[in-house]
Structure formats: structure tokens, C-alpha cells
Amino acid sequence: MKFVDEAFIDIAAGDGGNGCVSFRHEKYKEFGGPNGGDGGRGGHVFAVADPNLNTLVDFRYSRRHEAKRGEHGMGSDMFGAAGADITLKMPVGTIITDAETGEVLYELLNPGEVITIAKGGDGGFGNLRFKSAINRAPRQKTPGWPGEKKNLKLELKVLADVGLLGMPNAGKSTFITAVSNARPKIADYPFTTLHPNLGVVRVGPEQSFVVADIPGLIEGASEGAGLGHQFLRHLQRTRLLLHIVDLAPFDDAVDPVAQAKAIVNELKKYDQQLYSKPRWLVLNKLDMVPADEREARVKDFVKRFKWKGPVFEISALTREGCEPLIHAIFRHVQSEQRTENEPVEVDPRFAGDAPA
């Protein structure tokens, strides 16, 4: 299925049905009184987070979504039926934004979460509602209220614990294949990955985390070079970034340090908050470096790159060094989750019961 992470849709909730003016007509009941019912409510438009979806492709080709209007009120005290609601299934991680103002309206972050994105209009009142002691034969009615209409932008940001960052052919797809259940395309040419891939890494029984692999960045991505920045949004919800570097490029003229610095610069240009996320350095393709040269090459890279954070040396192809990295990642993710779930400290002055 084609991966689509952005779409524009028009939605319209149903209008409410009109109220009815009617009077009871029955033999020997000359003044039967009003019996016009209310109109029915218009249908709502709901959005539900479906964990079985991972793309917005359905909304790329189906842009207009309308709920049914409510039925009009009728005589004999009959109220109109409510219009049928519609439910739009969207992937978990979808952000719903007002296409005209850019305001973020909703975020679908939990599987099965349901939100109302457009409310149907209320039905109008029939003349039965206007009956009183001084107005026994009212001829008033009200029309139904219009339903909400919106132009929306849907943007998908995948939910993952760890994001992979690096140049094309750095070995990101090989790494996610080695440690998870993901099976992305792998080849010996750049830009093999054309859309994000998610993989679940199993560490133990009921112990796992999710890794996101995005297409590689190159210098000038902020100006649209390569695939540009369009997929970096999928790293914004991660807890940790792994900067994977090819320590043994095929071309001797290519400097891995210069490539790594270019990635960091593009990350900083895109989003300062993403740039500030915890980031680990993963030096890949050690199987292509002679054993007696590995230590010196790693030290030289770290020194010239001026890196102060954690460094891991691996070979994604042979899986050398992957196991310690996986366990270190899991411990980091677990600690981040515990921090997020810590209870918030409450000022003692406000710890009492709220006033009635």
C-alpha cells in the first residue's frame, strides 16, 4: 500500500431537520390543538484512531465526507429521526489541523480513541413547542440548525520510541531488519527507503520498543535536496535518536565526519526541539574495517566529530554489537516512561479539596 502521511479533506456534519406546523384533525375534535413535531438532529462526523492503519492514503482519493441531515418534524406529534453519523478511520498518530488557520484541533494518540470533529445541527422546533395557555393555536416553527463544516489537514506522525537518522546507505534499513520484525527494502544504492518503516524490537517477554526508520538525509535537505525534510516529522515523537554513520564508505574520498556533521546541521535547521532530543552515535559497518584498524578509526572519528555522548560500534549485517545496543535502548526507553508517569507534585496550599 502506498504510504501517504498528509491529506486534505472537507467534512460536513448534517443539518438539523425543520420543525413542523400541524394541528390535530379528528372527528368531533374541532379544536384538537397543535401536534407538529421537532426536526431530527443532523449526523455527527467522528474520527477514530485505528491501530491497523499506517497511512492516510484513503483520504488522498476521497476528500469530501458528509453526514446525513436530520428528518423534518411531522404531524401527530412525530419528531424527525436523527441523521446517520459517519466515522472516519485514521492511523494512530494523526494530527487534525484547520487547513485555513493552521490551528491544531485534535491529535489521535491512543488506539481506539474516538473524537467528534464536526457536530450535527440541532433540529428545529415544531409548533407543539410553542403551545401555551395564551397561545393555544401557535403557527410558529423554527428551521433546523446547520451542521459544522470544516476544511481539515491531516498529518501523520508515526508513534515510535526510537528514530534512526543518517545518510542514505548508512545501514539504517539493515539495522532495523537485524533487530526487529520490519523487512524494508535493502539495496546497494542510495534512497532505497522511500517512506518510514516501523519495527517492533523484542527484548524479552512483554518487553519491547518500536523503532522508526526514515529515508536518509543529505546535505541541503532543507532546500529540498534528496527527499528533503518531509519525513523528519516522524521523529518528533520519539524518545531517542540513533545517528547511524557508515564508518567504511565505498568511496575513499567521502569523509564520514563531514557527512555526520551535515546530518546534524540539517536536523538543527529543521526543528530545534528535535535537535535537542537525546541522540546516540552508532558507528556501523565495522565488518568492513580490518580488525586491527577498528579502534584507531573509531577514536579518530569521535575526536574529529567532537562527540561527547554515548558511542556504539556495530555491524548491522553480522549483528555484531547489536545486542548490547538493544538492551541499552530498552533501559533508556523504560527510564523515560517512568519519568513521564511520575506523579506531579502539588503545592500543599492547593492540595485540599476544591471548594463546593
Protein backbone atom coordinates (compact mmCIF):
# COMPACT_ATOMS: atom_id res chain seq x y z
CA MET A 1 0.00 0.00 0.00
CA LYS A 2 1.25 3.48 -0.83
CA PHE A 3 2.48 5.45 2.17
CA VAL A 4 0.77 8.83 2.46
CA ASP A 5 1.38 10.99 5.53
CA GLU A 6 -0.53 14.14 4.54
CA ALA A 7 -4.01 14.77 3.16
CA PHE A 8 -6.65 17.49 2.95
CA ILE A 9 -10.33 16.76 3.47
CA ASP A 10 -13.63 18.64 3.60
CA ILE A 11 -16.14 17.44 6.17
CA ALA A 12 -19.75 18.47 6.72
CA ALA A 13 -21.97 17.40 9.59
CA GLY A 14 -25.66 17.01 8.83
CA ASP A 15 -28.10 19.91 9.12
CA GLY A 16 -30.93 19.61 11.61
CA GLY A 17 -34.43 18.89 10.30
CA ASN A 18 -37.05 21.65 10.28
CA GLY A 19 -39.86 21.81 12.80
CA CYS A 20 -43.44 21.19 11.63
CA VAL A 21 -46.63 23.23 11.89
CA SER A 22 -49.56 20.85 12.21
CA PHE A 23 -52.89 20.62 14.05
CA ARG A 24 -54.84 17.62 15.23
CA HIS A 25 -57.74 16.90 12.86
CA GLU A 26 -60.15 14.36 14.19
CA LYS A 27 -63.90 13.91 14.03
CA TYR A 28 -65.71 15.65 16.88
CA LYS A 29 -62.42 17.35 17.87
CA GLU A 30 -62.89 20.80 16.39
CA PHE A 31 -60.02 22.31 18.38
CA GLY A 32 -57.57 19.45 18.55
CA GLY A 33 -54.58 21.69 19.13
CA PRO A 34 -51.04 21.73 17.72
CA ASN A 35 -49.22 18.47 17.11
CA GLY A 36 -46.24 19.46 14.92
CA GLY A 37 -43.06 17.64 15.98
CA ASP A 38 -39.44 18.78 16.13
CA GLY A 39 -36.89 18.09 13.42
CA GLY A 40 -34.19 15.48 13.96
CA ARG A 41 -30.54 16.19 14.79
CA GLY A 42 -28.06 16.17 11.95
CA GLY A 43 -25.44 13.45 11.83
CA HIS A 44 -22.07 13.96 13.55
CA VAL A 45 -18.65 13.27 11.98
CA PHE A 46 -16.36 11.19 14.20
CA ALA A 47 -12.69 10.25 13.86
CA VAL A 48 -11.36 7.03 15.38
CA ALA A 49 -7.72 6.01 15.83
CA ASP A 50 -7.37 2.63 14.10
CA PRO A 51 -4.16 0.75 15.05
CA ASN A 52 -4.49 -1.35 11.88
CA LEU A 53 -3.86 1.66 9.62
CA ASN A 54 -0.46 3.21 8.95
CA THR A 55 -1.20 5.57 6.06
CA LEU A 56 -3.64 8.32 5.07
CA VAL A 57 -3.95 7.01 1.52
CA ASP A 58 -7.74 6.56 1.83
CA PHE A 59 -8.18 10.31 2.31
CA ARG A 60 -5.94 11.21 -0.65
CA TYR A 61 -8.57 9.91 -3.06
CA SER A 62 -11.73 10.54 -1.02
CA ARG A 63 -11.77 14.15 0.04
CA ARG A 64 -15.42 15.03 0.72
CA HIS A 65 -17.20 13.45 3.71
CA GLU A 66 -20.78 14.40 4.60
CA ALA A 67 -23.09 13.14 7.32
CA LYS A 68 -26.85 12.84 6.70
CA ARG A 69 -29.23 15.62 7.67
CA GLY A 70 -31.98 15.07 10.22
CA GLU A 71 -35.51 14.36 9.09
CA HIS A 72 -38.14 17.09 9.30
CA GLY A 73 -40.75 17.01 12.03
CA MET A 74 -44.22 15.72 11.15
CA GLY A 75 -47.76 15.94 12.43
CA SER A 76 -49.32 13.63 15.02
CA ASP A 77 -46.54 14.55 17.49
CA MET A 78 -43.93 12.78 15.34
CA PHE A 79 -40.37 14.01 15.70
CA GLY A 80 -37.90 13.63 12.84
CA ALA A 81 -35.25 10.92 13.04
CA ALA A 82 -31.63 11.91 13.66
CA GLY A 83 -29.31 11.84 10.67
CA ALA A 84 -26.83 8.98 10.38
CA ASP A 85 -23.36 9.68 11.79
CA ILE A 86 -20.19 8.86 9.88
CA THR A 87 -16.91 7.63 11.35
CA LEU A 88 -13.56 8.24 9.66
CA LYS A 89 -10.82 5.73 10.50
CA MET A 90 -7.37 7.29 10.80
CA PRO A 91 -3.95 5.94 11.82
CA VAL A 92 -2.76 6.37 15.39
CA GLY A 93 -0.59 9.49 15.48
CA THR A 94 -2.74 11.58 13.13
CA ILE A 95 -2.84 15.33 13.76
CA ILE A 96 -6.00 17.13 12.62
CA THR A 97 -5.45 20.79 11.77
CA ASP A 98 -7.68 23.57 10.48
CA ALA A 99 -6.50 23.96 6.89
CA GLU A 100 -7.34 27.68 6.83
CA THR A 101 -5.88 28.89 10.14
CA GLY A 102 -3.26 26.21 10.79
CA GLU A 103 -4.62 25.65 14.31
CA VAL A 104 -4.16 22.13 15.65
CA LEU A 105 -7.62 20.88 16.60
CA TYR A 106 -7.12 17.25 17.62
CA GLU A 107 -4.47 14.55 17.96
CA LEU A 108 -5.20 10.84 17.84
CA LEU A 109 -2.58 9.31 20.12
CA ASN A 110 -4.31 6.26 21.63
CA PRO A 111 -5.62 3.21 19.73
CA GLY A 112 -9.40 3.19 19.67
CA GLU A 113 -9.67 6.86 20.67
CA VAL A 114 -12.81 8.50 19.26
CA ILE A 115 -13.32 12.25 18.87
CA THR A 116 -16.09 14.37 17.38
CA ILE A 117 -14.62 16.54 14.63
CA ALA A 118 -17.89 18.06 13.40
CA LYS A 119 -21.20 18.30 15.25
CA GLY A 120 -24.53 17.91 13.53
CA GLY A 121 -27.05 20.74 13.75
CA ASP A 122 -29.93 20.59 16.24
CA GLY A 123 -33.40 20.04 14.90
CA GLY A 124 -35.89 22.90 14.69
CA PHE A 125 -38.91 23.21 16.99
CA GLY A 126 -42.40 22.28 15.82
CA ASN A 127 -45.44 24.29 16.82
CA LEU A 128 -46.13 21.80 19.62
CA ARG A 129 -43.29 23.51 21.49
CA PHE A 130 -44.96 26.91 21.36
CA LYS A 131 -48.32 25.90 22.89
CA SER A 132 -49.26 27.84 26.00
CA ALA A 133 -52.29 28.95 27.94
CA ILE A 134 -52.48 32.17 25.95
CA ASN A 135 -51.39 30.76 22.61
CA ARG A 136 -53.40 27.61 22.01
CA ALA A 137 -53.02 27.52 18.24
CA PRO A 138 -49.40 28.55 17.56
CA ARG A 139 -48.22 28.64 13.97
CA GLN A 140 -44.57 29.19 14.80
CA LYS A 141 -41.82 26.77 13.94
CA THR A 142 -38.04 27.05 13.64
CA PRO A 143 -35.72 25.70 10.95
CA GLY A 144 -33.02 23.21 11.80
CA TRP A 145 -29.56 24.47 12.68
CA PRO A 146 -26.81 23.92 10.11
CA GLY A 147 -24.14 21.33 10.85
CA GLU A 148 -20.47 22.23 11.20
CA LYS A 149 -18.40 22.37 8.03
CA LYS A 150 -14.62 22.32 8.11
CA ASN A 151 -11.63 22.15 5.81
CA LEU A 152 -9.05 19.98 7.54
CA LYS A 153 -5.45 18.99 7.04
CA LEU A 154 -4.47 15.52 8.20
CA GLU A 155 -0.84 14.93 9.09
CA LEU A 156 0.54 11.60 10.24
CA LYS A 157 3.44 11.41 12.67
CA VAL A 158 4.25 7.80 13.43
CA LEU A 159 4.48 6.80 17.09
CA ALA A 160 7.84 5.22 17.85
CA ASP A 161 10.22 5.11 20.81
CA VAL A 162 13.43 5.29 18.74
CA GLY A 163 14.18 7.04 15.46
CA LEU A 164 17.00 6.22 13.04
CA LEU A 165 18.88 9.10 11.49
CA GLY A 166 21.63 9.05 8.90
CA MET A 167 22.83 9.43 5.35
CA PRO A 168 21.48 7.20 2.56
CA ASN A 169 23.24 3.80 2.61
CA ALA A 170 24.38 4.25 6.22
CA GLY A 171 22.79 0.89 7.03
CA LYS A 172 19.58 2.02 8.76
CA SER A 173 17.38 -0.47 6.93
CA THR A 174 19.84 -3.28 7.58
CA PHE A 175 19.88 -2.37 11.26
CA ILE A 176 16.10 -2.32 11.67
CA THR A 177 15.92 -5.66 9.83
CA ALA A 178 18.55 -7.15 12.13
CA VAL A 179 16.91 -6.12 15.40
CA SER A 180 13.16 -6.05 14.65
CA ASN A 181 10.35 -7.65 12.68
CA ALA A 182 10.46 -4.97 9.95
CA ARG A 183 11.52 -6.04 6.47
CA PRO A 184 12.26 -2.90 4.44
CA LYS A 185 13.86 -2.96 1.02
CA ILE A 186 17.67 -3.20 1.18
CA ALA A 187 19.97 -2.49 -1.76
CA ASP A 188 23.44 -1.13 -2.50
CA TYR A 189 22.26 2.22 -3.87
CA PRO A 190 21.08 5.37 -2.09
CA PHE A 191 17.46 6.22 -1.23
CA THR A 192 16.37 2.59 -1.09
CA THR A 193 13.97 3.63 1.71
CA LEU A 194 11.30 5.93 0.29
CA HIS A 195 8.90 6.02 3.23
CA PRO A 196 9.10 5.41 7.00
CA ASN A 197 9.22 1.83 8.28
CA LEU A 198 8.25 0.74 11.79
CA GLY A 199 9.70 -2.27 13.55
CA VAL A 200 8.99 -3.81 16.97
CA VAL A 201 12.14 -4.89 18.82
CA ARG A 202 11.55 -7.73 21.29
CA VAL A 203 13.91 -7.61 24.26
CA GLY A 204 12.17 -10.20 26.41
CA PRO A 205 8.71 -11.41 27.46
CA GLU A 206 6.41 -8.38 27.38
CA GLN A 207 9.47 -6.18 26.86
CA SER A 208 9.72 -4.32 23.57
CA PHE A 209 10.08 -0.94 21.92
CA VAL A 210 9.29 0.50 18.49
CA VAL A 211 11.91 1.76 16.02
CA ALA A 212 11.19 4.11 13.10
CA ASP A 213 13.41 4.15 10.01
CA ILE A 214 13.02 7.17 7.72
CA PRO A 215 14.58 7.93 4.32
CA GLY A 216 18.16 9.15 4.56
CA LEU A 217 19.06 12.83 4.69
CA ILE A 218 21.75 14.54 2.65
CA GLU A 219 23.34 17.96 2.88
CA GLY A 220 20.96 20.60 1.51
CA ALA A 221 17.81 18.70 2.53
CA SER A 222 16.38 21.94 3.95
CA GLU A 223 16.48 23.33 0.38
CA GLY A 224 14.79 20.20 -0.98
CA ALA A 225 17.85 18.13 -1.90
CA GLY A 226 17.22 14.40 -1.93
CA LEU A 227 13.86 13.72 -0.31
CA GLY A 228 14.11 16.91 1.74
CA HIS A 229 12.80 17.22 5.27
CA GLN A 230 9.36 15.80 4.59
CA PHE A 231 9.85 12.67 6.71
CA LEU A 232 11.61 14.23 9.73
CA ARG A 233 8.21 14.88 11.32
CA HIS A 234 8.05 11.15 12.07
CA LEU A 235 10.94 11.51 14.54
CA GLN A 236 9.33 14.28 16.59
CA ARG A 237 7.51 11.90 18.96
CA THR A 238 10.46 9.58 19.59
CA ARG A 239 12.27 9.39 22.91
CA LEU A 240 15.70 8.71 21.42
CA LEU A 241 17.52 9.28 18.12
CA LEU A 242 20.18 6.90 16.81
CA HIS A 243 22.58 8.66 14.46
CA ILE A 244 23.89 5.82 12.30
CA VAL A 245 27.16 6.52 10.49
CA ASP A 246 28.80 4.47 7.75
CA LEU A 247 32.34 4.07 9.05
CA ALA A 248 33.54 2.34 5.87
CA PRO A 249 32.19 4.20 2.82
CA PHE A 250 32.87 2.68 -0.61
CA ASP A 251 34.36 5.94 -1.88
CA ASP A 252 37.62 6.81 -0.13
CA ALA A 253 37.01 10.47 -0.91
CA VAL A 254 33.92 10.52 1.31
CA ASP A 255 34.59 11.73 4.85
CA PRO A 256 32.20 10.14 7.41
CA VAL A 257 32.79 13.06 9.80
CA ALA A 258 31.70 15.62 7.21
CA GLN A 259 28.61 13.53 6.45
CA ALA A 260 27.71 13.24 10.14
CA LYS A 261 28.10 16.99 10.66
CA ALA A 262 25.86 17.65 7.64
CA ILE A 263 23.13 15.50 9.18
CA VAL A 264 23.35 17.39 12.48
CA ASN A 265 23.15 20.74 10.67
CA GLU A 266 20.05 19.67 8.71
CA LEU A 267 18.44 18.46 11.93
CA LYS A 268 19.11 21.80 13.59
CA LYS A 269 17.69 23.73 10.64
CA TYR A 270 14.51 21.68 10.67
CA ASP A 271 13.49 21.80 14.33
CA GLN A 272 15.39 22.95 17.41
CA GLN A 273 13.30 20.73 19.66
CA LEU A 274 14.08 17.66 17.56
CA TYR A 275 17.75 18.66 17.55
CA SER A 276 17.69 18.78 21.37
CA LYS A 277 16.36 15.21 21.76
CA PRO A 278 18.70 12.58 23.27
CA ARG A 279 20.92 11.33 20.45
CA TRP A 280 23.34 8.40 20.41
CA LEU A 281 26.10 7.80 17.90
CA VAL A 282 26.10 4.37 16.23
CA LEU A 283 29.14 3.58 14.08
CA ASN A 284 28.07 0.93 11.58
CA LYS A 285 29.73 -1.45 9.08
CA LEU A 286 32.62 -2.44 11.33
CA ASP A 287 32.73 -5.77 9.48
CA MET A 288 34.23 -3.87 6.53
CA VAL A 289 37.03 -2.40 8.66
CA PRO A 290 40.11 -4.56 9.35
CA ALA A 291 40.13 -5.70 12.98
CA ASP A 292 43.50 -4.08 13.73
CA GLU A 293 42.25 -0.70 12.42
CA ARG A 294 38.85 -0.52 14.15
CA GLU A 295 39.90 1.04 17.44
CA ALA A 296 42.01 3.73 15.79
CA ARG A 297 39.31 4.58 13.22
CA VAL A 298 36.63 4.88 15.91
CA LYS A 299 38.81 7.10 18.10
CA ASP A 300 39.71 9.31 15.13
CA PHE A 301 36.04 9.73 14.18
CA VAL A 302 34.91 10.59 17.72
CA LYS A 303 37.76 13.07 18.14
CA ARG A 304 37.17 14.89 14.84
CA PHE A 305 33.39 14.82 15.29
CA LYS A 306 33.87 16.26 18.81
CA TRP A 307 31.25 13.88 20.17
CA LYS A 308 30.63 13.77 23.93
CA GLY A 309 27.63 11.42 24.09
CA PRO A 310 27.24 7.62 24.03
CA VAL A 311 29.01 5.75 21.20
CA PHE A 312 28.16 2.24 19.99
CA GLU A 313 30.15 0.20 17.48
CA ILE A 314 28.14 -2.31 15.47
CA SER A 315 27.85 -4.26 12.26
CA ALA A 316 24.19 -4.44 11.32
CA LEU A 317 24.99 -7.05 8.65
CA THR A 318 26.64 -9.53 11.05
CA ARG A 319 24.66 -8.22 14.09
CA GLU A 320 27.93 -7.68 15.96
CA GLY A 321 27.36 -5.23 18.81
CA CYS A 322 23.58 -5.03 18.23
CA GLU A 323 22.58 -6.92 21.38
CA PRO A 324 24.23 -4.51 23.88
CA LEU A 325 22.79 -1.57 21.93
CA ILE A 326 19.27 -3.02 22.06
CA HIS A 327 19.41 -3.51 25.84
CA ALA A 328 20.82 -0.01 26.37
CA ILE A 329 18.00 1.45 24.28
CA PHE A 330 15.39 -0.51 26.23
CA ARG A 331 16.74 0.74 29.56
CA HIS A 332 16.66 4.32 28.27
CA VAL A 333 13.09 3.99 26.98
CA GLN A 334 11.97 2.44 30.27
CA SER A 335 13.53 5.27 32.28
CA GLU A 336 11.86 7.85 30.03
CA GLN A 337 8.49 6.14 30.50
CA ARG A 338 8.91 6.08 34.30
CA THR A 339 9.74 9.79 34.27
CA GLU A 340 6.63 10.57 32.24
CA ASN A 341 4.46 8.52 34.61
CA GLU A 342 5.78 10.08 37.83
CA PRO A 343 3.04 11.82 39.84
CA VAL A 344 3.02 15.58 39.61
CA GLU A 345 3.97 17.35 42.84
CA VAL A 346 1.15 19.52 44.14
CA ASP A 347 1.72 22.67 46.13
CA PRO A 348 0.46 21.97 49.71
CA ARG A 349 -1.52 25.19 49.62
CA PHE A 350 -3.67 23.73 46.84
CA ALA A 351 -3.73 20.12 47.97
CA GLY A 352 -7.06 20.35 49.79
CA ASP A 353 -10.48 19.67 48.41
CA ALA A 354 -11.83 22.09 45.85
CA PRO A 355 -14.48 24.45 47.15
CA ALA A 356 -18.04 23.40 46.52
